[in-house]
Amino acid sequence: MKKWHYHTPSGSNGSIEEENLNELVQNGTLKSSTFVWSSGMTEWEPAGKVLPALFANDTAPPAFPQKSSGKRSHEIDFKILGESIQMVEIELDPQETVIAEAGAMNYMDEGITFETKMGDGSTPDTGFMGKLMQVGKRALTGESLFMTHFTNCGSGKKTVAFAAPYPGTIVPADLSQCGGELLCQRDAFLCAAMGTQVGIALNKKMGAGFFGGEGFILQRLNGDGLAFLHAGGMVIRKELKGEKLLVDTGCLVAFTNQINYSIERAGNLKSMVFGGEGMFLATLQGHGTVWLQSLPFGRMAARIVGAGGGTQEQGGVLGGLGNLFSE
């Protein structure tokens, strides 16, 4: 029996015996626009062209064509839901895909399929070693080794919603308006249009690496589509025009690549130890955009631990010294 190979919208390949092709058509996996190949063919062709009998009774309209804007990222639509505890609902046209952190999905319409993959899928031609390198980079940022790809395999518009694991605000960022690149804290990325590359950025200054609240490694988002970040509490956007901004290291969410990021001491020794603002502050200077959050997750967690009898507080190394005299 002849075997057919088919290419799924999520980027993987499947194969099936010819006698079972009708099952794939009935469950929606095989469409007239799906590319197939079998022995004797010189190249992949749409199933509707080489297997017209399978779709003789198919009156469904063809898949909505992708907009030819020259962008490499899929052009998705979205809606932010909620106020203090938000989620983002993304609308996908047929064959459009959104990538997300594992476990971020809340709900999705029937017709959307999802697949967990190594990497973000922005460079599908990379081999196993290339994907392994992507996984290694994500491991350095403390994120999950895998990402989930959600694809609309239906014939109409479908929605899928995502939310972060703690209360806060979702920030939409159009990478095409940010110079094609955005640097953000390690756990800020939530989801993005297919075609967005999620990597890492090593801070060039050792001081920022060892003492900055964001660590030596930041997440780097590259692309020309929409990406969504999550921040704690309220988010404020600042436009810098050459001036310098001093920020508590934990309050930094993201910044464009035209901004220089470094670390400075928080005043003199007395202020560093007893000031409660930490020993170092992040300094940002240049021409670009900075996003700040009012309630970093680390600060909120420290308050919860402190309320439960813990002694670790946000701020200087002697932040819990006063508890020694509280008895």
C-alpha atoms as a PDB file:
ATOM      1  CA  MET A   1       0.000   0.000   0.000  1.00  0.00           C
ATOM      2  CA  LYS A   2       1.274   3.447  -0.929  1.00  0.00           C
ATOM      3  CA  LYS A   3       2.409   5.711   1.922  1.00  0.00           C
ATOM      4  CA  TRP A   4       1.852   9.480   1.977  1.00  0.00           C
ATOM      5  CA  HIS A   5       3.788  12.047   3.957  1.00  0.00           C
ATOM      6  CA  TYR A   6       2.164  15.328   5.065  1.00  0.00           C
ATOM      7  CA  HIS A   7       3.449  18.576   6.589  1.00  0.00           C
ATOM      8  CA  THR A   8       1.455  19.876   9.588  1.00  0.00           C
ATOM      9  CA  PRO A   9       0.931  23.623  10.293  1.00  0.00           C
ATOM     10  CA  SER A  10       2.965  23.257  13.507  1.00  0.00           C
ATOM     11  CA  GLY A  11       6.037  22.393  11.469  1.00  0.00           C
ATOM     12  CA  SER A  12       6.288  18.622  12.010  1.00  0.00           C
ATOM     13  CA  ASN A  13       5.891  15.845   9.447  1.00  0.00           C
ATOM     14  CA  GLY A  14       3.570  12.859   9.538  1.00  0.00           C
ATOM     15  CA  SER A  15       2.973   9.801   7.389  1.00  0.00           C
ATOM     16  CA  ILE A  16      -0.021   7.549   6.751  1.00  0.00           C
ATOM     17  CA  GLU A  17      -1.114   4.705   4.496  1.00  0.00           C
ATOM     18  CA  GLU A  18      -3.201   5.807   1.504  1.00  0.00           C
ATOM     19  CA  GLU A  19      -6.252   3.845   2.631  1.00  0.00           C
ATOM     20  CA  ASN A  20      -6.405   5.919   5.850  1.00  0.00           C
ATOM     21  CA  LEU A  21      -6.209   9.363   4.248  1.00  0.00           C
ATOM     22  CA  ASN A  22      -9.968   9.905   4.632  1.00  0.00           C
ATOM     23  CA  GLU A  23      -9.597   9.783   8.414  1.00  0.00           C
ATOM     24  CA  LEU A  24      -7.171  12.713   8.329  1.00  0.00           C
ATOM     25  CA  VAL A  25      -9.565  14.685   6.111  1.00  0.00           C
ATOM     26  CA  GLN A  26     -12.497  14.041   8.466  1.00  0.00           C
ATOM     27  CA  ASN A  27     -10.670  15.125  11.627  1.00  0.00           C
ATOM     28  CA  GLY A  28      -9.321  18.251   9.947  1.00  0.00           C
ATOM     29  CA  THR A  29      -5.646  17.296   9.979  1.00  0.00           C
ATOM     30  CA  LEU A  30      -5.393  16.976   6.197  1.00  0.00           C
ATOM     31  CA  LYS A  31      -6.764  19.899   4.201  1.00  0.00           C
ATOM     32  CA  SER A  32      -6.648  20.717   0.517  1.00  0.00           C
ATOM     33  CA  SER A  33      -3.909  23.267   1.294  1.00  0.00           C
ATOM     34  CA  THR A  34      -1.778  20.767   3.273  1.00  0.00           C
ATOM     35  CA  PHE A  35       1.458  19.899   1.492  1.00  0.00           C
ATOM     36  CA  VAL A  36       1.946  16.161   0.837  1.00  0.00           C
ATOM     37  CA  TRP A  37       4.548  13.949  -0.799  1.00  0.00           C
ATOM     38  CA  SER A  38       4.725  10.330  -1.895  1.00  0.00           C
ATOM     39  CA  SER A  39       7.126   8.100  -3.764  1.00  0.00           C
ATOM     40  CA  GLY A  40       7.472   9.136  -7.394  1.00  0.00           C
ATOM     41  CA  MET A  41       6.818  12.871  -6.769  1.00  0.00           C
ATOM     42  CA  THR A  42       9.606  15.368  -7.399  1.00  0.00           C
ATOM     43  CA  GLU A  43       8.438  17.916  -4.788  1.00  0.00           C
ATOM     44  CA  TRP A  44       5.811  18.583  -2.118  1.00  0.00           C
ATOM     45  CA  GLU A  45       2.392  19.568  -3.525  1.00  0.00           C
ATOM     46  CA  PRO A  46      -0.948  20.670  -1.972  1.00  0.00           C
ATOM     47  CA  ALA A  47      -3.178  17.701  -1.204  1.00  0.00           C
ATOM     48  CA  GLY A  48      -6.051  19.246  -3.158  1.00  0.00           C
ATOM     49  CA  LYS A  49      -3.914  19.199  -6.307  1.00  0.00           C
ATOM     50  CA  VAL A  50      -2.584  15.626  -6.162  1.00  0.00           C
ATOM     51  CA  LEU A  51      -5.522  14.019  -4.305  1.00  0.00           C
ATOM     52  CA  PRO A  52      -8.585  15.907  -5.627  1.00  0.00           C
ATOM     53  CA  ALA A  53     -10.957  12.990  -4.985  1.00  0.00           C
ATOM     54  CA  LEU A  54     -10.507  13.360  -1.234  1.00  0.00           C
ATOM     55  CA  PHE A  55     -11.933  16.893  -1.327  1.00  0.00           C
ATOM     56  CA  ALA A  56     -14.673  16.454  -3.942  1.00  0.00           C
ATOM     57  CA  ASN A  57     -17.381  17.210  -1.337  1.00  0.00           C
ATOM     58  CA  ASP A  58     -15.388  19.815   0.562  1.00  0.00           C
ATOM     59  CA  THR A  59     -17.295  23.100   0.298  1.00  0.00           C
ATOM     60  CA  ALA A  60     -15.403  24.869   3.076  1.00  0.00           C
ATOM     61  CA  PRO A  61     -13.636  28.059   1.995  1.00  0.00           C
ATOM     62  CA  PRO A  62      -9.876  27.925   1.577  1.00  0.00           C
ATOM     63  CA  ALA A  63      -7.599  29.087   4.366  1.00  0.00           C
ATOM     64  CA  PHE A  64      -7.438  32.826   4.735  1.00  0.00           C
ATOM     65  CA  PRO A  65      -4.192  33.949   3.072  1.00  0.00           C
ATOM     66  CA  GLN A  66      -1.467  35.490   5.200  1.00  0.00           C
ATOM     67  CA  LYS A  67      -0.967  39.213   4.725  1.00  0.00           C
ATOM     68  CA  SER A  68       2.017  39.883   2.526  1.00  0.00           C
ATOM     69  CA  SER A  69       3.598  42.611   4.616  1.00  0.00           C
ATOM     70  CA  GLY A  70       7.128  41.293   4.344  1.00  0.00           C
ATOM     71  CA  LYS A  71       7.173  40.458   8.050  1.00  0.00           C
ATOM     72  CA  ARG A  72       8.667  37.212   9.271  1.00  0.00           C
ATOM     73  CA  SER A  73       6.379  37.118  12.331  1.00  0.00           C
ATOM     74  CA  HIS A  74       2.705  36.201  12.149  1.00  0.00           C
ATOM     75  CA  GLU A  75       0.382  39.210  12.467  1.00  0.00           C
ATOM     76  CA  ILE A  76      -1.860  38.377  15.400  1.00  0.00           C
ATOM     77  CA  ASP A  77      -4.671  40.396  16.998  1.00  0.00           C
ATOM     78  CA  PHE A  78      -5.113  40.632  20.754  1.00  0.00           C
ATOM     79  CA  LYS A  79      -7.233  41.951  23.621  1.00  0.00           C
ATOM     80  CA  ILE A  80      -6.104  42.562  27.224  1.00  0.00           C
ATOM     81  CA  LEU A  81      -8.660  41.352  29.782  1.00  0.00           C
ATOM     82  CA  GLY A  82      -8.878  42.423  33.420  1.00  0.00           C
ATOM     83  CA  GLU A  83      -7.290  45.231  35.392  1.00  0.00           C
ATOM     84  CA  SER A  84      -5.046  44.235  38.304  1.00  0.00           C
ATOM     85  CA  ILE A  85      -4.884  40.535  37.409  1.00  0.00           C
ATOM     86  CA  GLN A  86      -4.743  40.417  33.637  1.00  0.00           C
ATOM     87  CA  MET A  87      -4.730  37.918  30.812  1.00  0.00           C
ATOM     88  CA  VAL A  88      -4.268  38.390  27.079  1.00  0.00           C
ATOM     89  CA  GLU A  89      -6.695  36.880  24.561  1.00  0.00           C
ATOM     90  CA  ILE A  90      -5.087  36.376  21.150  1.00  0.00           C
ATOM     91  CA  GLU A  91      -7.082  35.978  17.943  1.00  0.00           C
ATOM     92  CA  LEU A  92      -5.515  33.762  15.300  1.00  0.00           C
ATOM     93  CA  ASP A  93      -6.408  33.581  11.629  1.00  0.00           C
ATOM     94  CA  PRO A  94      -6.211  30.138   9.974  1.00  0.00           C
ATOM     95  CA  GLN A  95      -2.653  28.751  10.058  1.00  0.00           C
ATOM     96  CA  GLU A  96      -1.405  31.507  12.379  1.00  0.00           C
ATOM     97  CA  THR A  97       0.649  30.476  15.401  1.00  0.00           C
ATOM     98  CA  VAL A  98       1.529  31.987  18.758  1.00  0.00           C
ATOM     99  CA  ILE A  99       4.344  30.677  20.990  1.00  0.00           C
ATOM    100  CA  ALA A 100       4.125  30.754  24.781  1.00  0.00           C
ATOM    101  CA  GLU A 101       5.840  29.677  27.957  1.00  0.00           C
ATOM    102  CA  ALA A 102       4.811  26.187  29.073  1.00  0.00           C
ATOM    103  CA  GLY A 103       1.777  26.310  31.368  1.00  0.00           C
ATOM    104  CA  ALA A 104       0.719  29.875  30.487  1.00  0.00           C
ATOM    105  CA  MET A 105      -2.432  28.940  28.521  1.00  0.00           C
ATOM    106  CA  ASN A 106      -5.837  29.531  30.191  1.00  0.00           C
ATOM    107  CA  TYR A 107      -8.334  28.525  27.507  1.00  0.00           C
ATOM    108  CA  MET A 108      -8.623  28.134  23.730  1.00  0.00           C
ATOM    109  CA  ASP A 109     -11.274  27.593  21.076  1.00  0.00           C
ATOM    110  CA  GLU A 110     -11.872  24.285  19.390  1.00  0.00           C
ATOM    111  CA  GLY A 111      -9.802  24.132  16.234  1.00  0.00           C
ATOM    112  CA  ILE A 112      -6.584  25.317  17.856  1.00  0.00           C
ATOM    113  CA  THR A 113      -3.937  22.639  18.210  1.00  0.00           C
ATOM    114  CA  PHE A 114      -0.861  22.904  20.402  1.00  0.00           C
ATOM    115  CA  GLU A 115       2.495  21.197  20.363  1.00  0.00           C
ATOM    116  CA  THR A 116       5.392  21.404  22.785  1.00  0.00           C
ATOM    117  CA  LYS A 117       8.725  21.920  21.053  1.00  0.00           C
ATOM    118  CA  MET A 118      12.362  22.594  21.773  1.00  0.00           C
ATOM    119  CA  GLY A 119      12.946  26.248  20.933  1.00  0.00           C
ATOM    120  CA  ASP A 120      10.772  29.035  19.583  1.00  0.00           C
ATOM    121  CA  GLY A 121      10.496  27.781  15.996  1.00  0.00           C
ATOM    122  CA  SER A 122      11.938  30.993  14.521  1.00  0.00           C
ATOM    123  CA  THR A 123      14.706  29.036  12.767  1.00  0.00           C
ATOM    124  CA  PRO A 124      13.062  25.779  11.600  1.00  0.00           C
ATOM    125  CA  ASP A 125      16.016  24.834   9.401  1.00  0.00           C
ATOM    126  CA  THR A 126      18.415  24.429  12.317  1.00  0.00           C
ATOM    127  CA  GLY A 127      19.260  20.824  13.088  1.00  0.00           C
ATOM    128  CA  PHE A 128      19.185  18.995  16.386  1.00  0.00           C
ATOM    129  CA  MET A 129      22.325  20.722  17.650  1.00  0.00           C
ATOM    130  CA  GLY A 130      20.837  24.141  16.880  1.00  0.00           C
ATOM    131  CA  LYS A 131      17.712  23.308  18.858  1.00  0.00           C
ATOM    132  CA  LEU A 132      19.870  21.948  21.672  1.00  0.00           C
ATOM    133  CA  MET A 133      21.718  25.255  21.821  1.00  0.00           C
ATOM    134  CA  GLN A 134      18.407  27.111  22.103  1.00  0.00           C
ATOM    135  CA  VAL A 135      17.342  24.843  24.948  1.00  0.00           C
ATOM    136  CA  GLY A 136      20.673  25.411  26.690  1.00  0.00           C
ATOM    137  CA  LYS A 137      20.229  29.170  26.482  1.00  0.00           C
ATOM    138  CA  ARG A 138      16.748  28.934  27.999  1.00  0.00           C
ATOM    139  CA  ALA A 139      18.123  26.791  30.794  1.00  0.00           C
ATOM    140  CA  LEU A 140      20.572  29.582  31.661  1.00  0.00           C
ATOM    141  CA  THR A 141      17.667  32.018  32.126  1.00  0.00           C
ATOM    142  CA  GLY A 142      15.877  29.610  34.464  1.00  0.00           C
ATOM    143  CA  GLU A 143      12.953  29.132  32.059  1.00  0.00           C
ATOM    144  CA  SER A 144      11.361  25.870  30.943  1.00  0.00           C
ATOM    145  CA  LEU A 145      13.362  23.944  28.348  1.00  0.00           C
ATOM    146  CA  PHE A 146      10.331  23.776  26.061  1.00  0.00           C
ATOM    147  CA  MET A 147       7.857  26.193  24.508  1.00  0.00           C
ATOM    148  CA  THR A 148       4.298  25.521  23.401  1.00  0.00           C
ATOM    149  CA  HIS A 149       3.148  26.409  19.864  1.00  0.00           C
ATOM    150  CA  PHE A 150      -0.579  27.112  19.405  1.00  0.00           C
ATOM    151  CA  THR A 151      -1.823  26.982  15.789  1.00  0.00           C
ATOM    152  CA  ASN A 152      -5.265  27.711  14.370  1.00  0.00           C
ATOM    153  CA  CYS A 153      -6.000  24.659  12.224  1.00  0.00           C
ATOM    154  CA  GLY A 154      -9.661  25.588  11.729  1.00  0.00           C
ATOM    155  CA  SER A 155     -11.345  27.497   8.923  1.00  0.00           C
ATOM    156  CA  GLY A 156     -12.237  30.679  10.826  1.00  0.00           C
ATOM    157  CA  LYS A 157     -10.794  32.977  13.473  1.00  0.00           C
ATOM    158  CA  LYS A 158     -10.016  31.296  16.808  1.00  0.00           C
ATOM    159  CA  THR A 159      -8.881  32.648  20.189  1.00  0.00           C
ATOM    160  CA  VAL A 160      -6.460  31.447  22.839  1.00  0.00           C
ATOM    161  CA  ALA A 161      -5.794  33.182  26.168  1.00  0.00           C
ATOM    162  CA  PHE A 162      -2.696  33.343  28.368  1.00  0.00           C
ATOM    163  CA  ALA A 163      -2.010  34.603  31.895  1.00  0.00           C
ATOM    164  CA  ALA A 164       1.049  34.820  34.128  1.00  0.00           C
ATOM    165  CA  PRO A 165       1.415  32.827  37.378  1.00  0.00           C
ATOM    166  CA  TYR A 166       1.146  35.849  39.724  1.00  0.00           C
ATOM    167  CA  PRO A 167      -0.895  39.110  39.793  1.00  0.00           C
ATOM    168  CA  GLY A 168       0.269  41.960  37.625  1.00  0.00           C
ATOM    169  CA  THR A 169       0.035  43.685  34.270  1.00  0.00           C
ATOM    170  CA  ILE A 170       0.531  42.359  30.755  1.00  0.00           C
ATOM    171  CA  VAL A 171       2.566  44.625  28.473  1.00  0.00           C
ATOM    172  CA  PRO A 172       2.158  44.320  24.677  1.00  0.00           C
ATOM    173  CA  ALA A 173       5.286  45.305  22.749  1.00  0.00           C
ATOM    174  CA  ASP A 174       5.513  45.646  18.967  1.00  0.00           C
ATOM    175  CA  LEU A 175       9.094  44.621  18.221  1.00  0.00           C
ATOM    176  CA  SER A 176       8.969  46.364  14.846  1.00  0.00           C
ATOM    177  CA  GLN A 177       8.547  49.628  16.777  1.00  0.00           C
ATOM    178  CA  CYS A 178      11.365  48.762  19.195  1.00  0.00           C
ATOM    179  CA  GLY A 179      14.168  48.448  16.671  1.00  0.00           C
ATOM    180  CA  GLY A 180      13.517  44.723  16.267  1.00  0.00           C
ATOM    181  CA  GLU A 181      14.938  43.865  19.674  1.00  0.00           C
ATOM    182  CA  LEU A 182      13.920  44.077  23.311  1.00  0.00           C
ATOM    183  CA  LEU A 183      15.836  43.131  26.472  1.00  0.00           C
ATOM    184  CA  CYS A 184      13.793  42.020  29.471  1.00  0.00           C
ATOM    185  CA  GLN A 185      14.136  40.371  32.848  1.00  0.00           C
ATOM    186  CA  ARG A 186      14.356  36.601  32.889  1.00  0.00           C
ATOM    187  CA  ASP A 187      10.752  35.739  33.813  1.00  0.00           C
ATOM    188  CA  ALA A 188       9.019  38.597  31.975  1.00  0.00           C
ATOM    189  CA  PHE A 189       8.287  36.834  28.652  1.00  0.00           C
ATOM    190  CA  LEU A 190       4.747  35.426  28.388  1.00  0.00           C
ATOM    191  CA  CYS A 191       3.982  34.787  24.694  1.00  0.00           C
ATOM    192  CA  ALA A 192       4.659  36.155  21.208  1.00  0.00           C
ATOM    193  CA  ALA A 193       3.737  35.823  17.556  1.00  0.00           C
ATOM    194  CA  MET A 194       5.375  32.952  15.682  1.00  0.00           C
ATOM    195  CA  GLY A 195       8.647  34.161  14.190  1.00  0.00           C
ATOM    196  CA  THR A 196       9.841  35.866  17.382  1.00  0.00           C
ATOM    197  CA  GLN A 197      13.249  34.655  18.519  1.00  0.00           C
ATOM    198  CA  VAL A 198      13.633  34.208  22.283  1.00  0.00           C
ATOM    199  CA  GLY A 199      17.281  34.145  23.335  1.00  0.00           C
ATOM    200  CA  ILE A 200      19.618  35.485  25.988  1.00  0.00           C
ATOM    201  CA  ALA A 201      21.818  38.564  26.351  1.00  0.00           C
ATOM    202  CA  LEU A 202      24.933  38.557  28.506  1.00  0.00           C
ATOM    203  CA  ASN A 203      25.475  41.864  30.256  1.00  0.00           C
ATOM    204  CA  LYS A 204      28.849  43.262  29.228  1.00  0.00           C
ATOM    205  CA  LYS A 205      29.563  44.848  32.590  1.00  0.00           C
ATOM    206  CA  MET A 206      30.484  42.447  35.368  1.00  0.00           C
ATOM    207  CA  GLY A 207      29.042  44.758  38.033  1.00  0.00           C
ATOM    208  CA  ALA A 208      25.603  44.533  36.482  1.00  0.00           C
ATOM    209  CA  GLY A 209      25.957  40.780  36.327  1.00  0.00           C
ATOM    210  CA  PHE A 210      26.925  40.125  39.925  1.00  0.00           C
ATOM    211  CA  PHE A 211      24.926  42.829  41.692  1.00  0.00           C
ATOM    212  CA  GLY A 212      22.015  43.686  39.405  1.00  0.00           C
ATOM    213  CA  GLY A 213      18.621  42.294  40.348  1.00  0.00           C
ATOM    214  CA  GLU A 214      18.226  41.054  36.767  1.00  0.00           C
ATOM    215  CA  GLY A 215      21.458  39.074  36.950  1.00  0.00           C
ATOM    216  CA  PHE A 216      24.166  38.627  34.379  1.00  0.00           C
ATOM    217  CA  ILE A 217      21.721  37.103  31.912  1.00  0.00           C
ATOM    218  CA  LEU A 218      18.736  38.891  30.380  1.00  0.00           C
ATOM    219  CA  GLN A 219      16.178  37.614  27.889  1.00  0.00           C
ATOM    220  CA  ARG A 220      16.538  38.962  24.346  1.00  0.00           C
ATOM    221  CA  LEU A 221      13.492  39.112  22.061  1.00  0.00           C
ATOM    222  CA  ASN A 222      14.138  39.589  18.325  1.00  0.00           C
ATOM    223  CA  GLY A 223      11.561  39.944  15.584  1.00  0.00           C
ATOM    224  CA  ASP A 224       9.058  42.240  13.924  1.00  0.00           C
ATOM    225  CA  GLY A 225       5.802  41.109  15.523  1.00  0.00           C
ATOM    226  CA  LEU A 226       3.964  41.361  18.823  1.00  0.00           C
ATOM    227  CA  ALA A 227       5.422  40.059  22.072  1.00  0.00           C
ATOM    228  CA  PHE A 228       3.755  40.107  25.485  1.00  0.00           C
ATOM    229  CA  LEU A 229       5.546  40.633  28.799  1.00  0.00           C
ATOM    230  CA  HIS A 230       4.271  40.248  32.335  1.00  0.00           C
ATOM    231  CA  ALA A 231       5.141  42.552  35.232  1.00  0.00           C
ATOM    232  CA  GLY A 232       4.104  42.797  38.875  1.00  0.00           C
ATOM    233  CA  GLY A 233       1.737  45.540  39.975  1.00  0.00           C
ATOM    234  CA  MET A 234       1.401  48.662  37.834  1.00  0.00           C
ATOM    235  CA  VAL A 235       3.614  49.265  34.796  1.00  0.00           C
ATOM    236  CA  ILE A 236       4.977  52.627  33.734  1.00  0.00           C
ATOM    237  CA  ARG A 237       6.633  53.357  30.386  1.00  0.00           C
ATOM    238  CA  LYS A 238       9.383  55.967  30.236  1.00  0.00           C
ATOM    239  CA  GLU A 239      10.929  57.481  27.122  1.00  0.00           C
ATOM    240  CA  LEU A 240      14.585  58.437  27.640  1.00  0.00           C
ATOM    241  CA  LYS A 241      16.184  61.102  25.467  1.00  0.00           C
ATOM    242  CA  GLY A 242      19.766  60.890  26.662  1.00  0.00           C
ATOM    243  CA  GLU A 243      19.104  61.400  30.365  1.00  0.00           C
ATOM    244  CA  LYS A 244      20.038  58.900  33.095  1.00  0.00           C
ATOM    245  CA  LEU A 245      17.446  56.986  35.101  1.00  0.00           C
ATOM    246  CA  LEU A 246      18.227  55.254  38.434  1.00  0.00           C
ATOM    247  CA  VAL A 247      16.014  52.260  39.181  1.00  0.00           C
ATOM    248  CA  ASP A 248      15.715  49.634  41.881  1.00  0.00           C
ATOM    249  CA  THR A 249      17.085  46.576  40.104  1.00  0.00           C
ATOM    250  CA  GLY A 250      13.980  44.482  40.778  1.00  0.00           C
ATOM    251  CA  CYS A 251      11.653  47.111  39.286  1.00  0.00           C
ATOM    252  CA  LEU A 252      13.125  46.880  35.795  1.00  0.00           C
ATOM    253  CA  VAL A 253      10.927  44.963  33.319  1.00  0.00           C
ATOM    254  CA  ALA A 254      12.377  45.662  29.860  1.00  0.00           C
ATOM    255  CA  PHE A 255      14.220  48.209  27.739  1.00  0.00           C
ATOM    256  CA  THR A 256      15.103  48.746  24.101  1.00  0.00           C
ATOM    257  CA  ASN A 257      18.599  47.948  22.864  1.00  0.00           C
ATOM    258  CA  GLN A 258      19.570  51.620  22.496  1.00  0.00           C
ATOM    259  CA  ILE A 259      19.614  51.925  26.293  1.00  0.00           C
ATOM    260  CA  ASN A 260      22.897  51.401  28.188  1.00  0.00           C
ATOM    261  CA  TYR A 261      22.354  49.299  31.314  1.00  0.00           C
ATOM    262  CA  SER A 262      24.766  49.388  34.237  1.00  0.00           C
ATOM    263  CA  ILE A 263      24.987  49.298  38.046  1.00  0.00           C
ATOM    264  CA  GLU A 264      25.867  52.021  40.572  1.00  0.00           C
ATOM    265  CA  ARG A 265      26.246  52.003  44.338  1.00  0.00           C
ATOM    266  CA  ALA A 266      23.221  53.188  46.277  1.00  0.00           C
ATOM    267  CA  GLY A 267      24.896  56.208  47.913  1.00  0.00           C
ATOM    268  CA  ASN A 268      27.473  55.913  50.700  1.00  0.00           C
ATOM    269  CA  LEU A 269      28.090  52.885  52.907  1.00  0.00           C
ATOM    270  CA  LYS A 270      25.497  53.974  55.479  1.00  0.00           C
ATOM    271  CA  SER A 271      22.806  54.328  52.813  1.00  0.00           C
ATOM    272  CA  MET A 272      23.734  51.003  51.252  1.00  0.00           C
ATOM    273  CA  VAL A 273      23.459  49.108  54.541  1.00  0.00           C
ATOM    274  CA  PHE A 274      20.582  50.862  56.297  1.00  0.00           C
ATOM    275  CA  GLY A 275      18.720  52.569  53.457  1.00  0.00           C
ATOM    276  CA  GLY A 276      16.482  49.616  52.650  1.00  0.00           C
ATOM    277  CA  GLU A 277      16.854  50.218  48.892  1.00  0.00           C
ATOM    278  CA  GLY A 278      19.487  47.553  48.370  1.00  0.00           C
ATOM    279  CA  MET A 279      23.208  48.013  47.906  1.00  0.00           C
ATOM    280  CA  PHE A 280      23.080  48.823  44.194  1.00  0.00           C
ATOM    281  CA  LEU A 281      20.797  50.602  41.730  1.00  0.00           C
ATOM    282  CA  ALA A 282      20.375  49.996  38.010  1.00  0.00           C
ATOM    283  CA  THR A 283      21.303  52.924  35.774  1.00  0.00           C
ATOM    284  CA  LEU A 284      19.760  53.309  32.341  1.00  0.00           C
ATOM    285  CA  GLN A 285      20.858  55.969  29.897  1.00  0.00           C
ATOM    286  CA  GLY A 286      20.357  56.583  26.193  1.00  0.00           C
ATOM    287  CA  HIS A 287      17.589  57.118  23.695  1.00  0.00           C
ATOM    288  CA  GLY A 288      14.823  54.557  23.929  1.00  0.00           C
ATOM    289  CA  THR A 289      12.021  53.081  26.010  1.00  0.00           C
ATOM    290  CA  VAL A 290      12.095  51.594  29.504  1.00  0.00           C
ATOM    291  CA  TRP A 291       9.280  49.652  31.208  1.00  0.00           C
ATOM    292  CA  LEU A 292       9.171  49.595  35.032  1.00  0.00           C
ATOM    293  CA  GLN A 293       7.007  47.614  37.471  1.00  0.00           C
ATOM    294  CA  SER A 294       5.722  48.805  40.847  1.00  0.00           C
ATOM    295  CA  LEU A 295       5.683  45.404  42.590  1.00  0.00           C
ATOM    296  CA  PRO A 296       8.490  42.975  41.649  1.00  0.00           C
ATOM    297  CA  PHE A 297       7.695  39.362  42.439  1.00  0.00           C
ATOM    298  CA  GLY A 298      10.818  39.087  44.640  1.00  0.00           C
ATOM    299  CA  ARG A 299       9.663  41.999  46.794  1.00  0.00           C
ATOM    300  CA  MET A 300       6.170  40.548  47.150  1.00  0.00           C
ATOM    301  CA  ALA A 301       7.565  37.119  48.046  1.00  0.00           C
ATOM    302  CA  ALA A 302       9.870  38.673  50.660  1.00  0.00           C
ATOM    303  CA  ARG A 303       6.915  40.432  52.281  1.00  0.00           C
ATOM    304  CA  ILE A 304       4.931  37.198  52.399  1.00  0.00           C
ATOM    305  CA  VAL A 305       7.858  35.337  53.939  1.00  0.00           C
ATOM    306  CA  GLY A 306       8.333  38.152  56.456  1.00  0.00           C
ATOM    307  CA  ALA A 307       4.659  38.069  57.422  1.00  0.00           C
ATOM    308  CA  GLY A 308       4.992  34.360  58.050  1.00  0.00           C
ATOM    309  CA  GLY A 309       7.786  34.816  60.561  1.00  0.00           C
ATOM    310  CA  GLY A 310      10.749  34.969  58.174  1.00  0.00           C
ATOM    311  CA  THR A 311      13.551  37.452  58.615  1.00  0.00           C
ATOM    312  CA  GLN A 312      14.513  38.081  54.990  1.00  0.00           C
ATOM    313  CA  GLU A 313      13.471  41.525  53.771  1.00  0.00           C
ATOM    314  CA  GLN A 314      14.035  43.491  50.605  1.00  0.00           C
ATOM    315  CA  GLY A 315      16.919  45.936  50.928  1.00  0.00           C
ATOM    316  CA  GLY A 316      20.261  45.978  52.697  1.00  0.00           C
ATOM    317  CA  VAL A 317      22.065  42.997  54.148  1.00  0.00           C
ATOM    318  CA  LEU A 318      21.082  44.083  57.661  1.00  0.00           C
ATOM    319  CA  GLY A 319      17.419  44.411  56.753  1.00  0.00           C
ATOM    320  CA  GLY A 320      16.352  41.844  59.382  1.00  0.00           C
ATOM    321  CA  LEU A 321      18.716  42.996  62.129  1.00  0.00           C
ATOM    322  CA  GLY A 322      15.951  44.845  63.948  1.00  0.00           C
ATOM    323  CA  ASN A 323      14.127  41.578  64.655  1.00  0.00           C
ATOM    324  CA  LEU A 324      16.925  40.622  67.064  1.00  0.00           C
ATOM    325  CA  PHE A 325      15.621  43.251  69.482  1.00  0.00           C
ATOM    326  CA  SER A 326      11.913  42.674  68.989  1.00  0.00           C
ATOM    327  CA  GLU A 327      11.489  40.060  71.696  1.00  0.00           C
END
